[in-house]
Amino acid sequence: MSNYRIDTNCIHAGYHPENGEPRVLPIVQSTTYKYETAKNMGQLFDLEVPGFFYTRLANPTLDAVEQKIAAMEGGVGAMLTSSGQAASLISIFNICRAGGHVVCSSAIYGGTFNLFYKTMAEMGIEFTFISPESTEEEIHQAFKENTRCVFAETLANPSLVVTDLELFAKAAHAHGVPLIVDNTFPTPINCRPFEFGADIVIHSTTKYMDGHAVQVGGVIVDSGKFDWTNGKFPEFTEPDESYHGVVYTERFGNAAYIVKARTHLMRDLGAQAAPQNAFLLNLGLETLALRMERHCSNALTVAKYLQQHDKVAWVNYPGLESSKYHRLAQKYMPNGSCGVVSFGVKGGRDAAVTFMEGLKLASIVTHVADLRTCVLHPASTTHRQLSDEQLVEAGVSPDLVRFSVGIEHPQDILDDLAQALQRV
């Protein structure tokens, strides 16, 4: 499908029915698959031939959706996971074991921060958090001899900081390590990080990719462009005894990273997506291009409205010319960023709560980035485990309201904002 544009790949990539086969991607709700001989099965277990033998590792429904997302991002392969958190964990753990070090942007989703700051630190992996607005020199200063990768979000949740992808990729590559980018908010419709030097892309597919809040999932996509034979990653160039001595770079070439993620970590951790969830995700992907266009146009309308409101202290949306991130957004996301607008209500935390509780169309939910307008106060919810200092580093002020603009009629959204702000 490489000759098709991304809008078309949203619909057609990954699944190509033959004569008399189902037009819509089927749900293969089976844990296992039948083969005629023990030799057939043995070849699958030895990674000598492709195929399906246990759904923890691969499933026809998952495989079709993985191929679609890889085509959308421009990668050589993808792997669905049970959640965005699982994608974040596996993307790093695939190349960074105990004793390793990661350079990470401080402006990331609160759940991801806690995964890195606490859980993975307890696993023996050290993280150095730096400002996403760091200079090239400041980024280089964060590296250590044992640094294994750099991690950042294209568009940070919820601060909406835009990462300078080319700058971070240049720094990572200068130290011989890959750049991993969480591209959840822009989606590949609005930004394809591989085109700017990123090596691995992850998503929480729970958000815009699904778009209907009906499945929890994640995905890891491999660009196939990083050189794993540069001497820093022996796990790819030395025999894996758990697979009879297979050397991933020799057997799988530029797909070595994503194959190892599946055959090693998915095998052992079991954080696989369910076929039913993959089916639902695929339905969301089919309309992703249309929905993102509406999300972005509605969000810009909302941001402009809030910017002029006398009860709003500040507004951050990269689509606004007044945004400090507008230049970077135009570079990396010229057709729009996402549907999330961050802003502060005059009066601080209490005023923000009063405003949120006055909304009628928009719902107060933990979720973000689906077709329904919703709202959240991150400092007391998704980021409540962070200290005051960490909140500042993450770009989350006490008065920040994360307003996820849906695809309803824009005037209905503005009317809801107006009546809620009147209560403040």
Protein backbone atom coordinates (compact mmCIF):
# COMPACT_ATOMS: atom_id res chain seq x y z
CA MET A 1 0.00 0.00 0.00
CA SER A 2 3.05 2.25 -0.15
CA ASN A 3 1.73 4.14 -3.17
CA TYR A 4 -1.47 5.16 -1.40
CA ARG A 5 -1.84 8.26 0.73
CA ILE A 6 -2.38 7.89 4.45
CA ASP A 7 -6.14 8.56 4.26
CA THR A 8 -6.47 5.54 1.97
CA ASN A 9 -4.17 3.39 4.08
CA CYS A 10 -6.39 4.10 7.10
CA ILE A 11 -9.07 2.11 5.30
CA HIS A 12 -7.27 -0.42 3.11
CA ALA A 13 -3.82 -1.21 4.52
CA GLY A 14 -3.20 -4.46 6.37
CA TYR A 15 -6.11 -6.56 5.13
CA HIS A 16 -6.66 -7.56 1.52
CA PRO A 17 -9.58 -9.97 1.06
CA GLU A 18 -9.38 -12.46 -1.79
CA ASN A 19 -12.23 -13.71 -3.94
CA GLY A 20 -15.19 -14.69 -1.76
CA GLU A 21 -13.52 -13.68 1.52
CA PRO A 22 -15.06 -11.28 4.09
CA ARG A 23 -14.86 -7.64 3.01
CA VAL A 24 -14.48 -6.50 6.63
CA LEU A 25 -11.52 -7.66 8.74
CA PRO A 26 -12.68 -10.81 10.62
CA ILE A 27 -12.20 -11.40 14.33
CA VAL A 28 -10.10 -14.53 14.73
CA GLN A 29 -11.13 -15.42 18.28
CA SER A 30 -8.78 -18.36 18.72
CA THR A 31 -5.88 -18.86 21.08
CA THR A 32 -4.18 -21.46 18.92
CA TYR A 33 -3.75 -22.77 15.37
CA LYS A 34 -3.62 -26.25 13.86
CA TYR A 35 -0.70 -27.68 11.87
CA GLU A 36 -0.27 -31.03 10.14
CA THR A 37 3.15 -31.99 11.46
CA ALA A 38 5.37 -31.47 14.48
CA LYS A 39 8.02 -30.17 12.08
CA ASN A 40 5.73 -27.32 11.02
CA MET A 41 5.23 -26.33 14.63
CA GLY A 42 8.91 -26.64 15.44
CA GLN A 43 9.87 -24.32 12.60
CA LEU A 44 7.49 -21.70 13.98
CA PHE A 45 8.97 -21.97 17.47
CA ASP A 46 12.49 -21.66 16.02
CA LEU A 47 11.47 -18.51 14.08
CA GLU A 48 12.43 -20.23 10.83
CA VAL A 49 9.08 -19.58 9.11
CA PRO A 50 6.33 -16.98 9.60
CA GLY A 51 2.92 -17.97 10.85
CA PHE A 52 0.53 -18.16 13.78
CA PHE A 53 0.79 -20.68 16.58
CA TYR A 54 -0.34 -18.89 19.75
CA THR A 55 -2.22 -15.61 20.06
CA ARG A 56 0.11 -14.28 22.75
CA LEU A 57 2.67 -13.88 19.96
CA ALA A 58 0.55 -13.32 16.86
CA ASN A 59 -3.01 -13.49 15.61
CA PRO A 60 -4.45 -12.83 12.12
CA THR A 61 -6.69 -9.98 13.33
CA LEU A 62 -3.86 -8.33 15.25
CA ASP A 63 -1.48 -8.88 12.36
CA ALA A 64 -3.71 -7.02 9.91
CA VAL A 65 -4.06 -4.03 12.23
CA GLU A 66 -0.33 -4.02 12.95
CA GLN A 67 0.40 -3.92 9.23
CA LYS A 68 -2.04 -1.05 8.81
CA ILE A 69 -0.45 1.06 11.55
CA ALA A 70 3.05 0.30 10.25
CA ALA A 71 1.97 1.52 6.82
CA MET A 72 0.46 4.67 8.32
CA GLU A 73 3.63 5.52 10.26
CA GLY A 74 5.98 4.39 7.48
CA GLY A 75 7.64 1.63 9.50
CA VAL A 76 8.80 -1.92 8.74
CA GLY A 77 6.63 -3.52 11.39
CA ALA A 78 4.41 -2.96 14.41
CA MET A 79 3.23 -4.81 17.50
CA LEU A 80 -0.04 -4.24 19.32
CA THR A 81 0.03 -4.31 23.13
CA SER A 82 -2.59 -4.48 25.83
CA SER A 83 -2.23 -0.79 26.72
CA GLY A 84 -0.23 2.34 26.00
CA GLN A 85 1.64 1.74 29.26
CA ALA A 86 2.70 -1.69 28.00
CA ALA A 87 3.93 -0.11 24.77
CA SER A 88 6.01 2.42 26.72
CA LEU A 89 7.50 -0.30 28.93
CA ILE A 90 8.33 -2.75 26.16
CA SER A 91 9.68 -0.10 23.77
CA ILE A 92 12.43 0.72 26.27
CA PHE A 93 12.85 -2.65 27.98
CA ASN A 94 13.54 -4.21 24.56
CA ILE A 95 16.89 -2.39 24.47
CA CYS A 96 17.55 -1.32 28.06
CA ARG A 97 18.14 -3.82 30.84
CA ALA A 98 19.06 -3.30 34.50
CA GLY A 99 22.04 -0.99 34.72
CA GLY A 100 21.00 0.98 31.68
CA HIS A 101 20.13 4.67 31.41
CA VAL A 102 17.52 6.65 29.50
CA VAL A 103 17.37 10.36 28.65
CA CYS A 104 13.73 11.40 28.82
CA SER A 105 11.71 14.55 28.29
CA SER A 106 10.11 15.70 31.54
CA ALA A 107 6.93 16.76 29.71
CA ILE A 108 5.22 13.40 29.39
CA TYR A 109 1.95 11.82 30.49
CA GLY A 110 1.78 11.36 34.26
CA GLY A 111 1.28 7.61 34.05
CA THR A 112 4.34 7.28 31.82
CA PHE A 113 6.38 9.41 34.20
CA ASN A 114 5.44 7.20 37.13
CA LEU A 115 6.24 4.06 35.12
CA PHE A 116 9.72 5.41 34.41
CA TYR A 117 10.40 7.27 37.67
CA LYS A 118 9.28 4.49 40.01
CA THR A 119 8.61 1.08 38.47
CA MET A 120 11.37 0.93 35.86
CA ALA A 121 13.77 2.58 38.28
CA GLU A 122 13.01 -0.27 40.69
CA MET A 123 13.91 -2.63 37.84
CA GLY A 124 17.38 -1.04 37.75
CA ILE A 125 16.92 1.36 34.83
CA GLU A 126 17.91 4.97 35.51
CA PHE A 127 16.13 7.93 33.92
CA THR A 128 17.40 11.48 33.55
CA PHE A 129 14.53 13.87 32.92
CA ILE A 130 15.29 17.01 30.92
CA SER A 131 13.21 19.90 29.69
CA PRO A 132 11.72 19.31 26.23
CA GLU A 133 12.92 22.84 25.49
CA SER A 134 16.54 21.95 26.24
CA THR A 135 19.27 23.26 23.97
CA GLU A 136 21.41 20.80 22.04
CA GLU A 137 24.21 21.27 24.58
CA GLU A 138 21.85 20.59 27.50
CA ILE A 139 20.58 17.41 25.84
CA HIS A 140 24.14 16.16 25.32
CA GLN A 141 24.96 16.83 28.99
CA ALA A 142 22.27 14.35 30.06
CA PHE A 143 23.92 11.38 28.34
CA LYS A 144 25.99 8.79 30.17
CA GLU A 145 28.19 5.94 29.07
CA ASN A 146 25.32 3.50 29.68
CA THR A 147 22.59 5.56 27.94
CA ARG A 148 20.54 3.28 25.72
CA CYS A 149 17.85 5.55 24.24
CA VAL A 150 16.07 8.90 24.31
CA PHE A 151 12.32 9.14 24.95
CA ALA A 152 9.95 12.04 24.23
CA GLU A 153 6.36 12.82 23.28
CA THR A 154 5.69 14.58 19.98
CA LEU A 155 3.00 16.63 21.67
CA ALA A 156 3.05 16.34 25.46
CA ASN A 157 0.00 15.28 27.44
CA PRO A 158 -1.38 17.55 28.89
CA SER A 159 1.00 20.53 28.61
CA LEU A 160 0.99 20.42 24.78
CA VAL A 161 4.70 21.12 24.60
CA VAL A 162 5.92 20.44 21.05
CA THR A 163 9.20 18.52 21.00
CA ASP A 164 11.85 19.50 18.49
CA LEU A 165 12.11 16.01 17.04
CA GLU A 166 15.04 16.68 14.73
CA LEU A 167 17.07 18.18 17.59
CA PHE A 168 16.41 15.23 19.90
CA ALA A 169 17.07 12.71 17.12
CA LYS A 170 20.35 14.40 16.22
CA ALA A 171 21.50 14.25 19.84
CA ALA A 172 20.46 10.61 20.24
CA HIS A 173 22.22 9.53 17.06
CA ALA A 174 25.38 11.42 18.01
CA HIS A 175 25.60 9.05 20.99
CA GLY A 176 24.69 5.98 18.95
CA VAL A 177 21.27 5.39 20.51
CA PRO A 178 17.70 5.54 19.12
CA LEU A 179 14.98 8.13 19.69
CA ILE A 180 11.66 6.69 20.87
CA VAL A 181 8.67 8.99 20.34
CA ASP A 182 5.16 8.75 21.76
CA ASN A 183 3.02 10.05 18.89
CA THR A 184 -0.39 9.51 20.55
CA PHE A 185 -1.81 13.04 20.36
CA PRO A 186 -0.93 14.00 16.76
CA THR A 187 -1.38 10.46 15.36
CA PRO A 188 0.33 9.66 12.04
CA ILE A 189 -2.33 11.78 10.34
CA ASN A 190 -0.73 14.97 11.67
CA CYS A 191 2.87 13.88 12.31
CA ARG A 192 5.09 11.02 11.14
CA PRO A 193 8.12 11.17 13.47
CA PHE A 194 10.18 8.77 11.32
CA GLU A 195 10.41 11.53 8.72
CA PHE A 196 12.19 13.70 11.31
CA GLY A 197 14.72 11.17 12.56
CA ALA A 198 12.81 9.16 15.18
CA ASP A 199 13.58 5.44 15.25
CA ILE A 200 10.72 3.93 17.25
CA VAL A 201 7.17 5.28 17.59
CA ILE A 202 4.60 4.24 20.16
CA HIS A 203 0.93 5.10 20.67
CA SER A 204 -1.74 4.65 23.22
CA THR A 205 -4.28 3.35 20.72
CA THR A 206 -6.90 3.96 23.43
CA LYS A 207 -6.96 7.60 22.33
CA TYR A 208 -7.52 9.05 18.83
CA MET A 209 -6.66 5.86 16.95
CA ASP A 210 -9.63 4.14 18.57
CA GLY A 211 -11.55 7.38 18.92
CA HIS A 212 -14.64 5.88 20.55
CA ALA A 213 -13.37 4.94 24.04
CA VAL A 214 -14.20 1.26 23.57
CA GLN A 215 -10.80 -0.46 23.86
CA VAL A 216 -7.57 -0.04 25.81
CA GLY A 217 -4.45 -0.70 23.78
CA GLY A 218 -1.04 0.36 22.60
CA VAL A 219 1.29 -0.16 19.68
CA ILE A 220 5.03 -0.07 18.97
CA VAL A 221 6.21 0.74 15.44
CA ASP A 222 9.75 0.12 14.18
CA SER A 223 11.18 2.45 11.53
CA GLY A 224 13.72 -0.17 10.47
CA LYS A 225 16.31 2.59 10.08
CA PHE A 226 18.43 2.35 13.24
CA ASP A 227 21.75 0.50 13.05
CA TRP A 228 21.62 -2.06 15.86
CA THR A 229 25.06 -3.36 14.85
CA ASN A 230 26.90 -0.25 16.07
CA GLY A 231 28.33 -2.13 19.06
CA LYS A 232 25.99 -0.80 21.75
CA PHE A 233 23.26 -3.42 21.45
CA PRO A 234 24.64 -6.96 21.80
CA GLU A 235 21.13 -8.35 22.37
CA PHE A 236 20.55 -7.90 18.63
CA THR A 237 23.95 -9.05 17.37
CA GLU A 238 24.75 -11.94 19.70
CA PRO A 239 22.96 -15.32 19.82
CA ASP A 240 19.72 -15.53 21.80
CA GLU A 241 19.97 -18.91 23.49
CA SER A 242 16.24 -18.90 24.29
CA TYR A 243 15.72 -19.24 20.50
CA HIS A 244 18.48 -21.73 19.75
CA GLY A 245 21.06 -19.05 19.12
CA VAL A 246 19.21 -16.84 16.65
CA VAL A 247 20.95 -13.53 15.93
CA TYR A 248 18.20 -10.99 15.30
CA THR A 249 20.11 -8.65 13.01
CA GLU A 250 21.31 -11.56 10.86
CA ARG A 251 17.97 -13.36 10.62
CA PHE A 252 15.60 -10.37 10.48
CA GLY A 253 17.68 -7.48 9.15
CA ASN A 254 16.07 -4.08 9.58
CA ALA A 255 13.12 -5.62 11.44
CA ALA A 256 15.34 -6.93 14.24
CA TYR A 257 13.93 -4.58 16.90
CA ILE A 258 10.25 -5.34 16.41
CA VAL A 259 10.85 -9.10 16.01
CA LYS A 260 12.79 -9.21 19.28
CA ALA A 261 10.06 -7.18 21.02
CA ARG A 262 7.52 -9.79 19.97
CA THR A 263 9.44 -13.04 20.27
CA HIS A 264 11.28 -12.15 23.47
CA LEU A 265 9.25 -9.68 25.54
CA MET A 266 5.73 -10.41 24.36
CA ARG A 267 6.52 -14.09 24.77
CA ASP A 268 7.67 -13.56 28.36
CA LEU A 269 5.50 -10.64 29.55
CA GLY A 270 2.27 -11.58 27.77
CA ALA A 271 0.95 -8.03 27.38
CA GLN A 272 -0.81 -8.85 24.13
CA ALA A 273 -3.90 -7.14 22.72
CA ALA A 274 -7.12 -9.12 22.38
CA PRO A 275 -8.50 -9.90 18.88
CA GLN A 276 -11.80 -8.20 19.74
CA ASN A 277 -9.95 -5.05 20.77
CA ALA A 278 -7.89 -5.10 17.57
CA PHE A 279 -11.10 -5.35 15.56
CA LEU A 280 -12.58 -2.33 17.36
CA LEU A 281 -9.33 -0.41 16.93
CA ASN A 282 -9.42 -1.11 13.20
CA LEU A 283 -12.91 0.40 12.95
CA GLY A 284 -11.56 3.55 14.57
CA LEU A 285 -8.55 3.69 12.28
CA GLU A 286 -10.79 3.64 9.22
CA THR A 287 -12.18 7.10 10.10
CA LEU A 288 -9.07 8.53 11.77
CA ALA A 289 -8.19 10.97 8.97
CA LEU A 290 -11.71 12.41 8.94
CA ARG A 291 -11.96 12.66 12.70
CA MET A 292 -8.58 14.33 13.20
CA GLU A 293 -9.51 17.05 10.72
CA ARG A 294 -12.68 17.82 12.72
CA HIS A 295 -10.92 17.53 16.11
CA CYS A 296 -8.30 20.06 15.04
CA SER A 297 -10.72 22.55 13.49
CA ASN A 298 -13.00 22.39 16.54
CA ALA A 299 -10.04 22.75 18.92
CA LEU A 300 -8.74 25.83 17.13
CA THR A 301 -12.21 27.38 17.33
CA VAL A 302 -12.35 26.64 21.07
CA ALA A 303 -8.82 27.94 21.67
CA LYS A 304 -9.59 31.23 19.92
CA TYR A 305 -12.78 31.60 21.96
CA LEU A 306 -11.04 30.94 25.28
CA GLN A 307 -8.21 33.31 24.39
CA GLN A 308 -10.70 36.19 24.28
CA HIS A 309 -12.66 35.24 27.41
CA ASP A 310 -12.19 37.49 30.44
CA LYS A 311 -12.39 34.59 32.91
CA VAL A 312 -9.60 32.62 31.26
CA ALA A 313 -6.08 33.34 32.52
CA TRP A 314 -4.15 31.70 29.69
CA VAL A 315 -4.54 29.30 26.78
CA ASN A 316 -2.04 26.88 25.26
CA TYR A 317 -2.81 25.38 21.88
CA PRO A 318 -0.05 24.98 19.28
CA GLY A 319 -2.43 26.02 16.49
CA LEU A 320 -2.68 29.55 17.92
CA GLU A 321 -0.20 32.00 16.45
CA SER A 322 0.32 33.33 19.97
CA SER A 323 1.54 29.92 21.21
CA LYS A 324 5.24 29.67 22.00
CA TYR A 325 5.15 26.30 20.22
CA HIS A 326 3.45 27.55 17.06
CA ARG A 327 6.67 27.60 15.01
CA LEU A 328 7.56 24.02 15.91
CA ALA A 329 3.96 22.93 15.37
CA GLN A 330 4.03 24.40 11.87
CA LYS A 331 7.23 22.49 11.18
CA TYR A 332 6.16 19.09 12.49
CA MET A 333 2.36 19.30 12.31
CA PRO A 334 1.48 21.80 9.57
CA ASN A 335 -2.02 20.36 9.05
CA GLY A 336 -3.02 20.49 12.71
CA SER A 337 -1.85 19.11 16.03
CA CYS A 338 -4.69 17.50 18.01
CA GLY A 339 -8.03 18.23 19.65
CA VAL A 340 -6.73 18.94 23.14
CA VAL A 341 -6.60 22.51 24.49
CA SER A 342 -4.93 23.36 27.81
CA PHE A 343 -5.93 26.51 29.66
CA GLY A 344 -6.21 28.09 33.09
CA VAL A 345 -9.31 29.58 34.68
CA LYS A 346 -8.81 32.80 36.66
CA GLY A 347 -9.10 31.95 40.33
CA GLY A 348 -6.86 28.89 40.25
CA ARG A 349 -7.69 25.33 41.26
CA ASP A 350 -11.06 26.09 42.92
CA ALA A 351 -12.25 28.10 39.94
CA ALA A 352 -11.18 25.31 37.60
CA VAL A 353 -13.25 22.80 39.58
CA THR A 354 -16.29 25.12 39.56
CA PHE A 355 -15.99 25.52 35.81
CA MET A 356 -15.66 21.80 35.17
CA GLU A 357 -18.63 20.90 37.35
CA GLY A 358 -20.74 23.43 35.45
CA LEU A 359 -20.21 21.79 32.07
CA LYS A 360 -23.18 19.92 30.58
CA LEU A 361 -22.08 18.69 27.15
CA ALA A 362 -18.49 17.96 28.15
CA SER A 363 -17.93 15.12 30.60
CA ILE A 364 -15.44 14.93 33.47
CA VAL A 365 -13.59 11.70 32.69
CA THR A 366 -10.08 10.27 32.99
CA HIS A 367 -10.04 9.59 29.30
CA VAL A 368 -8.89 11.98 26.58
CA ALA A 369 -8.92 12.14 22.80
CA ASP A 370 -12.10 10.50 21.65
CA LEU A 371 -15.04 11.86 19.65
CA ARG A 372 -16.87 13.17 22.75
CA THR A 373 -15.77 16.42 24.38
CA CYS A 374 -14.34 15.77 27.83
CA VAL A 375 -12.41 17.61 30.51
CA LEU A 376 -9.99 16.85 33.35
CA HIS A 377 -7.90 18.61 36.00
CA PRO A 378 -4.53 16.82 35.65
CA ALA A 379 -2.86 18.15 38.82
CA SER A 380 -5.44 16.39 40.98
CA THR A 381 -5.90 13.30 38.79
CA THR A 382 -3.50 11.95 36.14
CA HIS A 383 -0.51 13.83 37.58
CA ARG A 384 -1.47 13.87 41.29
CA GLN A 385 1.43 11.54 42.18
CA LEU A 386 3.97 14.19 41.06
CA SER A 387 5.55 16.65 43.48
CA ASP A 388 5.09 20.39 42.97
CA GLU A 389 8.56 20.55 41.42
CA GLN A 390 7.81 17.65 39.10
CA LEU A 391 4.50 19.25 38.08
CA VAL A 392 6.37 22.38 37.03
CA GLU A 393 8.88 20.29 35.06
CA ALA A 394 6.01 18.50 33.33
CA GLY A 395 4.36 21.81 32.44
CA VAL A 396 1.32 21.09 34.62
CA SER A 397 0.28 24.12 36.65
CA PRO A 398 -2.31 23.80 39.48
CA ASP A 399 -4.91 25.69 37.43
CA LEU A 400 -4.39 23.73 34.18
CA VAL A 401 -7.58 22.35 32.63
CA ARG A 402 -7.19 19.70 29.92
CA PHE A 403 -10.08 20.18 27.54
CA SER A 404 -10.37 17.44 24.94
CA VAL A 405 -12.48 18.84 22.12
CA GLY A 406 -14.71 16.30 20.42
CA ILE A 407 -16.31 16.27 16.99
CA GLU A 408 -19.70 17.67 18.01
CA HIS A 409 -20.95 20.85 16.34
CA PRO A 410 -18.48 23.58 17.38
CA GLN A 411 -21.17 26.05 18.43
CA ASP A 412 -22.63 23.55 20.90
CA ILE A 413 -19.19 23.19 22.47
CA LEU A 414 -18.77 26.97 22.70
CA ASP A 415 -22.22 27.35 24.26
CA ASP A 416 -21.31 24.78 26.90
CA LEU A 417 -18.07 26.62 27.68
CA ALA A 418 -19.89 29.94 27.93
CA GLN A 419 -22.50 28.79 30.44
CA ALA A 420 -19.91 26.98 32.58
CA LEU A 421 -17.57 29.97 32.68
CA GLN A 422 -20.47 32.14 33.81
CA ARG A 423 -20.56 30.14 37.02
CA VAL A 424 -16.97 31.02 37.92
